[in-house]
Amino acid sequence: MATFEEFEKLDMRTGVIREVEPFPRARKPSFRLTIDFGPEIGSKQTSAQVTNYRPEELIGMSIIAVVNFPPKNIAGFRSEVLVLGVPGEGGQISLLTPSRPAPLGGRVY
């Protein structure tokens, strides 16, 4: 079981997806995303298996991501954050989003 102290080590922040690109080199269908987390953190890139969304749906979407995991190499691409989502029917991902407007880089508690 995780402790509250372990949970507090996760740095989850709000961001806005600014760019979406296909990622054909990934093993599973994915997009490469550029996410703006505001002036404190800046923009970060990640790979996400969210192909049930159209790129135009993703651009401008507010999301929640873990920003303090070490970078991960995915098919030659440096993934810097983990965007959070929930698998639905058929395994399609529903991204976690703030229910109301939130500042870029806002910390999730």
PDB file of N, CA and C in Angstrom:
ATOM      1  N   MET A   1       0.853  -1.174   0.000  1.00  0.00           N
ATOM      2  CA  MET A   1       0.000   0.000   0.000  1.00  0.00           C
ATOM      3  C   MET A   1       0.902   1.242   0.000  1.00  0.00           C
ATOM      4  N   ALA A   2       0.554   2.230  -0.782  1.00  0.00           N
ATOM      5  CA  ALA A   2       1.321   3.478  -0.843  1.00  0.00           C
ATOM      6  C   ALA A   2       0.982   4.363   0.355  1.00  0.00           C
ATOM      7  N   THR A   3       1.981   5.080   0.811  1.00  0.00           N
ATOM      8  CA  THR A   3       1.760   6.021   1.906  1.00  0.00           C
ATOM      9  C   THR A   3       1.443   7.399   1.337  1.00  0.00           C
ATOM     10  N   PHE A   4       0.904   8.267   2.172  1.00  0.00           N
ATOM     11  CA  PHE A   4       0.620   9.629   1.740  1.00  0.00           C
ATOM     12  C   PHE A   4       1.910  10.350   1.366  1.00  0.00           C
ATOM     13  N   GLU A   5       2.989  10.065   2.080  1.00  0.00           N
ATOM     14  CA  GLU A   5       4.280  10.683   1.777  1.00  0.00           C
ATOM     15  C   GLU A   5       4.753  10.284   0.377  1.00  0.00           C
ATOM     16  N   GLU A   6       4.505   9.031  -0.010  1.00  0.00           N
ATOM     17  CA  GLU A   6       4.866   8.587  -1.362  1.00  0.00           C
ATOM     18  C   GLU A   6       4.016   9.308  -2.407  1.00  0.00           C
ATOM     19  N   PHE A   7       2.734   9.459  -2.131  1.00  0.00           N
ATOM     20  CA  PHE A   7       1.847  10.184  -3.046  1.00  0.00           C
ATOM     21  C   PHE A   7       2.323  11.617  -3.242  1.00  0.00           C
ATOM     22  N   GLU A   8       2.760  12.254  -2.161  1.00  0.00           N
ATOM     23  CA  GLU A   8       3.198  13.648  -2.242  1.00  0.00           C
ATOM     24  C   GLU A   8       4.434  13.834  -3.118  1.00  0.00           C
ATOM     25  N   LYS A   9       5.176  12.773  -3.354  1.00  0.00           N
ATOM     26  CA  LYS A   9       6.359  12.867  -4.217  1.00  0.00           C
ATOM     27  C   LYS A   9       5.986  13.044  -5.683  1.00  0.00           C
ATOM     28  N   LEU A  10       4.775  12.643  -6.060  1.00  0.00           N
ATOM     29  CA  LEU A  10       4.325  12.821  -7.443  1.00  0.00           C
ATOM     30  C   LEU A  10       3.983  14.285  -7.674  1.00  0.00           C
ATOM     31  N   ASP A  11       4.539  14.846  -8.723  1.00  0.00           N
ATOM     32  CA  ASP A  11       4.257  16.238  -9.078  1.00  0.00           C
ATOM     33  C   ASP A  11       3.312  16.234 -10.277  1.00  0.00           C
ATOM     34  N   MET A  12       2.020  16.330  -9.992  1.00  0.00           N
ATOM     35  CA  MET A  12       0.997  16.333 -11.042  1.00  0.00           C
ATOM     36  C   MET A  12       0.574  17.769 -11.295  1.00  0.00           C
ATOM     37  N   ARG A  13       0.575  18.158 -12.569  1.00  0.00           N
ATOM     38  CA  ARG A  13       0.286  19.543 -12.933  1.00  0.00           C
ATOM     39  C   ARG A  13      -0.713  19.605 -14.079  1.00  0.00           C
ATOM     40  N   THR A  14      -1.375  20.754 -14.177  1.00  0.00           N
ATOM     41  CA  THR A  14      -2.272  21.005 -15.302  1.00  0.00           C
ATOM     42  C   THR A  14      -1.462  21.601 -16.448  1.00  0.00           C
ATOM     43  N   GLY A  15      -1.851  21.241 -17.643  1.00  0.00           N
ATOM     44  CA  GLY A  15      -1.204  21.771 -18.834  1.00  0.00           C
ATOM     45  C   GLY A  15      -2.200  21.834 -19.970  1.00  0.00           C
ATOM     46  N   VAL A  16      -1.780  22.453 -21.067  1.00  0.00           N
ATOM     47  CA  VAL A  16      -2.618  22.546 -22.263  1.00  0.00           C
ATOM     48  C   VAL A  16      -1.831  21.975 -23.439  1.00  0.00           C
ATOM     49  N   ILE A  17      -2.466  21.094 -24.185  1.00  0.00           N
ATOM     50  CA  ILE A  17      -1.836  20.501 -25.366  1.00  0.00           C
ATOM     51  C   ILE A  17      -1.762  21.567 -26.454  1.00  0.00           C
ATOM     52  N   ARG A  18      -0.555  21.832 -26.943  1.00  0.00           N
ATOM     53  CA  ARG A  18      -0.331  22.856 -27.973  1.00  0.00           C
ATOM     54  C   ARG A  18      -0.071  22.259 -29.351  1.00  0.00           C
ATOM     55  N   GLU A  19       0.570  21.090 -29.408  1.00  0.00           N
ATOM     56  CA  GLU A  19       0.887  20.461 -30.698  1.00  0.00           C
ATOM     57  C   GLU A  19       0.617  18.964 -30.621  1.00  0.00           C
ATOM     58  N   VAL A  20       0.151  18.415 -31.744  1.00  0.00           N
ATOM     59  CA  VAL A  20      -0.111  16.979 -31.855  1.00  0.00           C
ATOM     60  C   VAL A  20       0.474  16.509 -33.179  1.00  0.00           C
ATOM     61  N   GLU A  21       1.291  15.466 -33.125  1.00  0.00           N
ATOM     62  CA  GLU A  21       1.887  14.905 -34.339  1.00  0.00           C
ATOM     63  C   GLU A  21       1.701  13.395 -34.332  1.00  0.00           C
ATOM     64  N   PRO A  22       1.508  12.799 -35.513  1.00  0.00           N
ATOM     65  CA  PRO A  22       1.461  11.337 -35.569  1.00  0.00           C
ATOM     66  C   PRO A  22       2.798  10.762 -35.095  1.00  0.00           C
ATOM     67  N   PHE A  23       2.771   9.560 -34.579  1.00  0.00           N
ATOM     68  CA  PHE A  23       3.994   8.908 -34.104  1.00  0.00           C
ATOM     69  C   PHE A  23       4.042   7.482 -34.662  1.00  0.00           C
ATOM     70  N   PRO A  24       4.319   7.345 -35.964  1.00  0.00           N
ATOM     71  CA  PRO A  24       4.266   6.026 -36.599  1.00  0.00           C
ATOM     72  C   PRO A  24       5.329   5.047 -36.103  1.00  0.00           C
ATOM     73  N   ARG A  25       6.425   5.529 -35.508  1.00  0.00           N
ATOM     74  CA  ARG A  25       7.485   4.633 -35.033  1.00  0.00           C
ATOM     75  C   ARG A  25       7.111   3.923 -33.731  1.00  0.00           C
ATOM     76  N   ALA A  26       6.104   4.409 -33.038  1.00  0.00           N
ATOM     77  CA  ALA A  26       5.691   3.781 -31.773  1.00  0.00           C
ATOM     78  C   ALA A  26       5.123   2.387 -32.043  1.00  0.00           C
ATOM     79  N   ARG A  27       5.334   1.488 -31.096  1.00  0.00           N
ATOM     80  CA  ARG A  27       4.839   0.118 -31.226  1.00  0.00           C
ATOM     81  C   ARG A  27       3.315   0.074 -31.272  1.00  0.00           C
ATOM     82  N   LYS A  28       2.672   0.887 -30.419  1.00  0.00           N
ATOM     83  CA  LYS A  28       1.210   0.972 -30.387  1.00  0.00           C
ATOM     84  C   LYS A  28       0.807   2.325 -30.959  1.00  0.00           C
ATOM     85  N   PRO A  29      -0.372   2.426 -31.582  1.00  0.00           N
ATOM     86  CA  PRO A  29      -0.794   3.714 -32.157  1.00  0.00           C
ATOM     87  C   PRO A  29      -0.732   4.835 -31.117  1.00  0.00           C
ATOM     88  N   SER A  30      -0.031   5.898 -31.463  1.00  0.00           N
ATOM     89  CA  SER A  30       0.209   6.994 -30.518  1.00  0.00           C
ATOM     90  C   SER A  30       0.343   8.319 -31.249  1.00  0.00           C
ATOM     91  N   PHE A  31       0.264   9.382 -30.460  1.00  0.00           N
ATOM     92  CA  PHE A  31       0.600  10.728 -30.922  1.00  0.00           C
ATOM     93  C   PHE A  31       1.772  11.237 -30.100  1.00  0.00           C
ATOM     94  N   ARG A  32       2.548  12.138 -30.693  1.00  0.00           N
ATOM     95  CA  ARG A  32       3.532  12.914 -29.939  1.00  0.00           C
ATOM     96  C   ARG A  32       2.857  14.232 -29.594  1.00  0.00           C
ATOM     97  N   LEU A  33       2.879  14.587 -28.327  1.00  0.00           N
ATOM     98  CA  LEU A  33       2.209  15.793 -27.847  1.00  0.00           C
ATOM     99  C   LEU A  33       3.232  16.774 -27.298  1.00  0.00           C
ATOM    100  N   THR A  34       3.003  18.062 -27.543  1.00  0.00           N
ATOM    101  CA  THR A  34       3.739  19.125 -26.869  1.00  0.00           C
ATOM    102  C   THR A  34       2.746  19.807 -25.948  1.00  0.00           C
ATOM    103  N   ILE A  35       3.096  19.871 -24.667  1.00  0.00           N
ATOM    104  CA  ILE A  35       2.178  20.373 -23.642  1.00  0.00           C
ATOM    105  C   ILE A  35       2.806  21.565 -22.943  1.00  0.00           C
ATOM    106  N   ASP A  36       2.032  22.634 -22.812  1.00  0.00           N
ATOM    107  CA  ASP A  36       2.468  23.860 -22.135  1.00  0.00           C
ATOM    108  C   ASP A  36       2.040  23.791 -20.672  1.00  0.00           C
ATOM    109  N   PHE A  37       3.030  23.857 -19.767  1.00  0.00           N
ATOM    110  CA  PHE A  37       2.759  23.840 -18.331  1.00  0.00           C
ATOM    111  C   PHE A  37       3.012  25.201 -17.690  1.00  0.00           C
ATOM    112  N   GLY A  38       3.084  26.249 -18.487  1.00  0.00           N
ATOM    113  CA  GLY A  38       3.282  27.588 -17.937  1.00  0.00           C
ATOM    114  C   GLY A  38       4.745  27.922 -17.721  1.00  0.00           C
ATOM    115  N   PRO A  39       5.013  29.149 -17.219  1.00  0.00           N
ATOM    116  CA  PRO A  39       6.389  29.644 -17.144  1.00  0.00           C
ATOM    117  C   PRO A  39       7.298  28.883 -16.174  1.00  0.00           C
ATOM    118  N   GLU A  40       6.776  28.323 -15.119  1.00  0.00           N
ATOM    119  CA  GLU A  40       7.623  27.623 -14.144  1.00  0.00           C
ATOM    120  C   GLU A  40       8.224  26.342 -14.724  1.00  0.00           C
ATOM    121  N   ILE A  41       7.425  25.580 -15.467  1.00  0.00           N
ATOM    122  CA  ILE A  41       7.850  24.283 -15.997  1.00  0.00           C
ATOM    123  C   ILE A  41       8.167  24.362 -17.482  1.00  0.00           C
ATOM    124  N   GLY A  42       7.429  25.182 -18.213  1.00  0.00           N
ATOM    125  CA  GLY A  42       7.637  25.307 -19.652  1.00  0.00           C
ATOM    126  C   GLY A  42       6.890  24.248 -20.431  1.00  0.00           C
ATOM    127  N   SER A  43       7.303  24.056 -21.670  1.00  0.00           N
ATOM    128  CA  SER A  43       6.691  23.057 -22.541  1.00  0.00           C
ATOM    129  C   SER A  43       7.446  21.746 -22.429  1.00  0.00           C
ATOM    130  N   LYS A  44       6.704  20.659 -22.441  1.00  0.00           N
ATOM    131  CA  LYS A  44       7.275  19.312 -22.370  1.00  0.00           C
ATOM    132  C   LYS A  44       6.642  18.467 -23.461  1.00  0.00           C
ATOM    133  N   GLN A  45       7.365  17.427 -23.879  1.00  0.00           N
ATOM    134  CA  GLN A  45       6.861  16.520 -24.902  1.00  0.00           C
ATOM    135  C   GLN A  45       6.593  15.152 -24.300  1.00  0.00           C
ATOM    136  N   THR A  46       5.647  14.463 -24.905  1.00  0.00           N
ATOM    137  CA  THR A  46       5.339  13.105 -24.471  1.00  0.00           C
ATOM    138  C   THR A  46       4.723  12.330 -25.620  1.00  0.00           C
ATOM    139  N   SER A  47       4.701  11.037 -25.470  1.00  0.00           N
ATOM    140  CA  SER A  47       3.986  10.156 -26.375  1.00  0.00           C
ATOM    141  C   SER A  47       2.763   9.653 -25.622  1.00  0.00           C
ATOM    142  N   ALA A  48       1.620   9.618 -26.294  1.00  0.00           N
ATOM    143  CA  ALA A  48       0.395   9.183 -25.621  1.00  0.00           C
ATOM    144  C   ALA A  48      -0.449   8.336 -26.567  1.00  0.00           C
ATOM    145  N   GLN A  49      -0.971   7.247 -26.045  1.00  0.00           N
ATOM    146  CA  GLN A  49      -1.828   6.347 -26.811  1.00  0.00           C
ATOM    147  C   GLN A  49      -3.274   6.837 -26.738  1.00  0.00           C
ATOM    148  N   VAL A  50      -3.510   7.960 -27.358  1.00  0.00           N
ATOM    149  CA  VAL A  50      -4.834   8.594 -27.305  1.00  0.00           C
ATOM    150  C   VAL A  50      -5.392   8.787 -28.716  1.00  0.00           C
ATOM    151  N   THR A  51      -5.207   7.770 -29.564  1.00  0.00           N
ATOM    152  CA  THR A  51      -5.629   7.901 -30.954  1.00  0.00           C
ATOM    153  C   THR A  51      -7.144   7.817 -31.125  1.00  0.00           C
ATOM    154  N   ASN A  52      -7.883   7.616 -30.046  1.00  0.00           N
ATOM    155  CA  ASN A  52      -9.342   7.700 -30.143  1.00  0.00           C
ATOM    156  C   ASN A  52      -9.793   9.162 -30.197  1.00  0.00           C
ATOM    157  N   TYR A  53      -8.866  10.099 -29.947  1.00  0.00           N
ATOM    158  CA  TYR A  53      -9.126  11.531 -30.122  1.00  0.00           C
ATOM    159  C   TYR A  53      -8.571  11.956 -31.482  1.00  0.00           C
ATOM    160  N   ARG A  54      -9.214  12.915 -32.118  1.00  0.00           N
ATOM    161  CA  ARG A  54      -8.664  13.526 -33.325  1.00  0.00           C
ATOM    162  C   ARG A  54      -7.682  14.615 -32.898  1.00  0.00           C
ATOM    163  N   PRO A  55      -6.621  14.861 -33.681  1.00  0.00           N
ATOM    164  CA  PRO A  55      -5.659  15.903 -33.307  1.00  0.00           C
ATOM    165  C   PRO A  55      -6.323  17.239 -32.990  1.00  0.00           C
ATOM    166  N   GLU A  56      -7.326  17.623 -33.762  1.00  0.00           N
ATOM    167  CA  GLU A  56      -7.979  18.914 -33.521  1.00  0.00           C
ATOM    168  C   GLU A  56      -8.761  18.927 -32.203  1.00  0.00           C
ATOM    169  N   GLU A  57      -9.170  17.757 -31.706  1.00  0.00           N
ATOM    170  CA  GLU A  57      -9.811  17.678 -30.380  1.00  0.00           C
ATOM    171  C   GLU A  57      -8.790  17.876 -29.265  1.00  0.00           C
ATOM    172  N   LEU A  58      -7.578  17.386 -29.497  1.00  0.00           N
ATOM    173  CA  LEU A  58      -6.538  17.437 -28.473  1.00  0.00           C
ATOM    174  C   LEU A  58      -5.922  18.825 -28.330  1.00  0.00           C
ATOM    175  N   ILE A  59      -5.739  19.519 -29.450  1.00  0.00           N
ATOM    176  CA  ILE A  59      -5.103  20.839 -29.390  1.00  0.00           C
ATOM    177  C   ILE A  59      -5.990  21.790 -28.589  1.00  0.00           C
ATOM    178  N   GLY A  60      -5.398  22.396 -27.560  1.00  0.00           N
ATOM    179  CA  GLY A  60      -6.127  23.301 -26.680  1.00  0.00           C
ATOM    180  C   GLY A  60      -6.770  22.621 -25.481  1.00  0.00           C
ATOM    181  N   MET A  61      -6.694  21.286 -25.413  1.00  0.00           N
ATOM    182  CA  MET A  61      -7.302  20.554 -24.298  1.00  0.00           C
ATOM    183  C   MET A  61      -6.448  20.703 -23.039  1.00  0.00           C
ATOM    184  N   SER A  62      -7.107  20.979 -21.920  1.00  0.00           N
ATOM    185  CA  SER A  62      -6.432  20.988 -20.621  1.00  0.00           C
ATOM    186  C   SER A  62      -6.314  19.553 -20.138  1.00  0.00           C
ATOM    187  N   ILE A  63      -5.131  19.199 -19.652  1.00  0.00           N
ATOM    188  CA  ILE A  63      -4.880  17.834 -19.187  1.00  0.00           C
ATOM    189  C   ILE A  63      -4.176  17.868 -17.834  1.00  0.00           C
ATOM    190  N   ILE A  64      -4.004  16.695 -17.265  1.00  0.00           N
ATOM    191  CA  ILE A  64      -3.235  16.536 -16.029  1.00  0.00           C
ATOM    192  C   ILE A  64      -2.131  15.528 -16.321  1.00  0.00           C
ATOM    193  N   ALA A  65      -0.903  15.855 -15.890  1.00  0.00           N
ATOM    194  CA  ALA A  65       0.235  14.975 -16.155  1.00  0.00           C
ATOM    195  C   ALA A  65       1.182  14.952 -14.966  1.00  0.00           C
ATOM    196  N   VAL A  66       1.886  13.836 -14.826  1.00  0.00           N
ATOM    197  CA  VAL A  66       2.981  13.736 -13.858  1.00  0.00           C
ATOM    198  C   VAL A  66       4.214  14.308 -14.551  1.00  0.00           C
ATOM    199  N   VAL A  67       4.834  15.318 -13.932  1.00  0.00           N
ATOM    200  CA  VAL A  67       5.946  16.020 -14.582  1.00  0.00           C
ATOM    201  C   VAL A  67       7.310  15.707 -13.963  1.00  0.00           C
ATOM    202  N   ASN A  68       7.360  14.854 -12.937  1.00  0.00           N
ATOM    203  CA  ASN A  68       8.658  14.607 -12.307  1.00  0.00           C
ATOM    204  C   ASN A  68       9.128  13.157 -12.409  1.00  0.00           C
ATOM    205  N   PHE A  69       8.625  12.403 -13.386  1.00  0.00           N
ATOM    206  CA  PHE A  69       9.216  11.104 -13.690  1.00  0.00           C
ATOM    207  C   PHE A  69      10.449  11.342 -14.555  1.00  0.00           C
ATOM    208  N   PRO A  70      11.434  10.445 -14.524  1.00  0.00           N
ATOM    209  CA  PRO A  70      12.573  10.619 -15.425  1.00  0.00           C
ATOM    210  C   PRO A  70      12.120  10.460 -16.877  1.00  0.00           C
ATOM    211  N   PRO A  71      12.786  11.139 -17.817  1.00  0.00           N
ATOM    212  CA  PRO A  71      12.424  10.980 -19.230  1.00  0.00           C
ATOM    213  C   PRO A  71      12.545   9.514 -19.653  1.00  0.00           C
ATOM    214  N   LYS A  72      11.727   9.141 -20.637  1.00  0.00           N
ATOM    215  CA  LYS A  72      11.713   7.767 -21.136  1.00  0.00           C
ATOM    216  C   LYS A  72      11.879   7.805 -22.648  1.00  0.00           C
ATOM    217  N   ASN A  73      12.721   6.932 -23.170  1.00  0.00           N
ATOM    218  CA  ASN A  73      12.922   6.837 -24.612  1.00  0.00           C
ATOM    219  C   ASN A  73      11.879   5.887 -25.185  1.00  0.00           C
ATOM    220  N   ILE A  74      11.044   6.413 -26.064  1.00  0.00           N
ATOM    221  CA  ILE A  74      10.011   5.608 -26.715  1.00  0.00           C
ATOM    222  C   ILE A  74      10.249   5.696 -28.216  1.00  0.00           C
ATOM    223  N   ALA A  75      10.750   4.612 -28.793  1.00  0.00           N
ATOM    224  CA  ALA A  75      11.020   4.540 -30.232  1.00  0.00           C
ATOM    225  C   ALA A  75      11.847   5.737 -30.708  1.00  0.00           C
ATOM    226  N   GLY A  76      12.894   6.071 -29.945  1.00  0.00           N
ATOM    227  CA  GLY A  76      13.780   7.163 -30.325  1.00  0.00           C
ATOM    228  C   GLY A  76      13.278   8.548 -29.979  1.00  0.00           C
ATOM    229  N   PHE A  77      12.177   8.635 -29.265  1.00  0.00           N
ATOM    230  CA  PHE A  77      11.581   9.918 -28.882  1.00  0.00           C
ATOM    231  C   PHE A  77      11.672  10.062 -27.370  1.00  0.00           C
ATOM    232  N   ARG A  78      12.082  11.245 -26.907  1.00  0.00           N
ATOM    233  CA  ARG A  78      12.230  11.496 -25.469  1.00  0.00           C
ATOM    234  C   ARG A  78      10.889  11.949 -24.890  1.00  0.00           C
ATOM    235  N   SER A  79      10.247  11.062 -24.143  1.00  0.00           N
ATOM    236  CA  SER A  79       8.972  11.372 -23.496  1.00  0.00           C
ATOM    237  C   SER A  79       9.272  11.906 -22.100  1.00  0.00           C
ATOM    238  N   GLU A  80       8.825  13.136 -21.811  1.00  0.00           N
ATOM    239  CA  GLU A  80       9.220  13.835 -20.589  1.00  0.00           C
ATOM    240  C   GLU A  80       8.177  13.834 -19.478  1.00  0.00           C
ATOM    241  N   VAL A  81       6.924  13.580 -19.798  1.00  0.00           N
ATOM    242  CA  VAL A  81       5.855  13.595 -18.797  1.00  0.00           C
ATOM    243  C   VAL A  81       4.910  12.429 -19.053  1.00  0.00           C
ATOM    244  N   LEU A  82       4.081  12.112 -18.068  1.00  0.00           N
ATOM    245  CA  LEU A  82       3.067  11.073 -18.210  1.00  0.00           C
ATOM    246  C   LEU A  82       1.697  11.723 -18.113  1.00  0.00           C
ATOM    247  N   VAL A  83       0.989  11.750 -19.243  1.00  0.00           N
ATOM    248  CA  VAL A  83      -0.370  12.289 -19.274  1.00  0.00           C
ATOM    249  C   VAL A  83      -1.292  11.240 -18.659  1.00  0.00           C
ATOM    250  N   LEU A  84      -2.181  11.675 -17.776  1.00  0.00           N
ATOM    251  CA  LEU A  84      -3.050  10.744 -17.057  1.00  0.00           C
ATOM    252  C   LEU A  84      -4.378  10.548 -17.781  1.00  0.00           C
ATOM    253  N   GLY A  85      -4.828   9.307 -17.796  1.00  0.00           N
ATOM    254  CA  GLY A  85      -6.092   8.974 -18.427  1.00  0.00           C
ATOM    255  C   GLY A  85      -6.650   7.692 -17.831  1.00  0.00           C
ATOM    256  N   VAL A  86      -7.859   7.379 -18.225  1.00  0.00           N
ATOM    257  CA  VAL A  86      -8.561   6.197 -17.731  1.00  0.00           C
ATOM    258  C   VAL A  86      -9.012   5.380 -18.934  1.00  0.00           C
ATOM    259  N   PRO A  87      -8.733   4.053 -18.946  1.00  0.00           N
ATOM    260  CA  PRO A  87      -9.223   3.243 -20.056  1.00  0.00           C
ATOM    261  C   PRO A  87     -10.727   3.023 -19.935  1.00  0.00           C
ATOM    262  N   GLY A  88     -11.397   3.171 -21.052  1.00  0.00           N
ATOM    263  CA  GLY A  88     -12.835   2.932 -21.095  1.00  0.00           C
ATOM    264  C   GLY A  88     -13.127   1.651 -21.848  1.00  0.00           C
ATOM    265  N   GLU A  89     -14.338   1.552 -22.349  1.00  0.00           N
ATOM    266  CA  GLU A  89     -14.722   0.374 -23.119  1.00  0.00           C
ATOM    267  C   GLU A  89     -13.800   0.220 -24.317  1.00  0.00           C
ATOM    268  N   GLY A  90     -13.373  -0.989 -24.564  1.00  0.00           N
ATOM    269  CA  GLY A  90     -12.494  -1.246 -25.689  1.00  0.00           C
ATOM    270  C   GLY A  90     -11.074  -0.758 -25.468  1.00  0.00           C
ATOM    271  N   GLY A  91     -10.750  -0.314 -24.257  1.00  0.00           N
ATOM    272  CA  GLY A  91      -9.402   0.141 -23.952  1.00  0.00           C
ATOM    273  C   GLY A  91      -9.081   1.546 -24.402  1.00  0.00           C
ATOM    274  N   GLN A  92     -10.063   2.264 -24.951  1.00  0.00           N
ATOM    275  CA  GLN A  92      -9.805   3.639 -25.386  1.00  0.00           C
ATOM    276  C   GLN A  92      -9.633   4.538 -24.173  1.00  0.00           C
ATOM    277  N   ILE A  93      -8.652   5.430 -24.263  1.00  0.00           N
ATOM    278  CA  ILE A  93      -8.293   6.273 -23.132  1.00  0.00           C
ATOM    279  C   ILE A  93      -9.147   7.534 -23.085  1.00  0.00           C
ATOM    280  N   SER A  94      -9.644   7.853 -21.900  1.00  0.00           N
ATOM    281  CA  SER A  94     -10.279   9.148 -21.627  1.00  0.00           C
ATOM    282  C   SER A  94      -9.287   9.939 -20.787  1.00  0.00           C
ATOM    283  N   LEU A  95      -8.829  11.064 -21.316  1.00  0.00           N
ATOM    284  CA  LEU A  95      -7.852  11.880 -20.603  1.00  0.00           C
ATOM    285  C   LEU A  95      -8.479  12.550 -19.391  1.00  0.00           C
ATOM    286  N   LEU A  96      -7.707  12.650 -18.303  1.00  0.00           N
ATOM    287  CA  LEU A  96      -8.159  13.383 -17.122  1.00  0.00           C
ATOM    288  C   LEU A  96      -7.999  14.870 -17.392  1.00  0.00           C
ATOM    289  N   THR A  97      -9.060  15.617 -17.160  1.00  0.00           N
ATOM    290  CA  THR A  97      -9.041  17.059 -17.393  1.00  0.00           C
ATOM    291  C   THR A  97      -9.639  17.772 -16.184  1.00  0.00           C
ATOM    292  N   PRO A  98      -9.194  18.992 -15.911  1.00  0.00           N
ATOM    293  CA  PRO A  98      -9.824  19.753 -14.829  1.00  0.00           C
ATOM    294  C   PRO A  98     -11.287  20.027 -15.177  1.00  0.00           C
ATOM    295  N   SER A  99     -12.165  19.986 -14.190  1.00  0.00           N
ATOM    296  CA  SER A  99     -13.590  20.229 -14.449  1.00  0.00           C
ATOM    297  C   SER A  99     -13.897  21.713 -14.625  1.00  0.00           C
ATOM    298  N   ARG A 100     -12.980  22.567 -14.192  1.00  0.00           N
ATOM    299  CA  ARG A 100     -13.117  24.022 -14.351  1.00  0.00           C
ATOM    300  C   ARG A 100     -11.786  24.567 -14.830  1.00  0.00           C
ATOM    301  N   PRO A 101     -11.767  25.794 -15.371  1.00  0.00           N
ATOM    302  CA  PRO A 101     -10.485  26.367 -15.804  1.00  0.00           C
ATOM    303  C   PRO A 101      -9.463  26.363 -14.664  1.00  0.00           C
ATOM    304  N   ALA A 102      -8.234  25.995 -15.011  1.00  0.00           N
ATOM    305  CA  ALA A 102      -7.149  25.930 -14.022  1.00  0.00           C
ATOM    306  C   ALA A 102      -5.917  26.605 -14.615  1.00  0.00           C
ATOM    307  N   PRO A 103      -5.075  27.204 -13.780  1.00  0.00           N
ATOM    308  CA  PRO A 103      -3.879  27.863 -14.302  1.00  0.00           C
ATOM    309  C   PRO A 103      -2.894  26.846 -14.876  1.00  0.00           C
ATOM    310  N   LEU A 104      -2.158  27.257 -15.903  1.00  0.00           N
ATOM    311  CA  LEU A 104      -1.116  26.399 -16.455  1.00  0.00           C
ATOM    312  C   LEU A 104      -0.101  26.084 -15.365  1.00  0.00           C
ATOM    313  N   GLY A 105       0.220  24.827 -15.229  1.00  0.00           N
ATOM    314  CA  GLY A 105       1.191  24.414 -14.226  1.00  0.00           C
ATOM    315  C   GLY A 105       0.617  24.292 -12.832  1.00  0.00           C
ATOM    316  N   GLY A 106      -0.705  24.441 -12.684  1.00  0.00           N
ATOM    317  CA  GLY A 106      -1.322  24.307 -11.366  1.00  0.00           C
ATOM    318  C   GLY A 106      -1.072  22.921 -10.794  1.00  0.00           C
ATOM    319  N   ARG A 107      -0.695  22.861  -9.536  1.00  0.00           N
ATOM    320  CA  ARG A 107      -0.385  21.581  -8.887  1.00  0.00           C
ATOM    321  C   ARG A 107      -1.676  20.867  -8.489  1.00  0.00           C
ATOM    322  N   VAL A 108      -1.703  19.573  -8.744  1.00  0.00           N
ATOM    323  CA  VAL A 108      -2.842  18.732  -8.388  1.00  0.00           C
ATOM    324  C   VAL A 108      -2.557  18.099  -7.034  1.00  0.00           C
ATOM    325  N   TYR A 109      -3.520  18.212  -6.113  1.00  0.00           N
ATOM    326  CA  TYR A 109      -3.386  17.638  -4.771  1.00  0.00           C
ATOM    327  C   TYR A 109      -4.457  16.614  -4.547  1.00  0.00           C
TER     328      TYR A 109
END
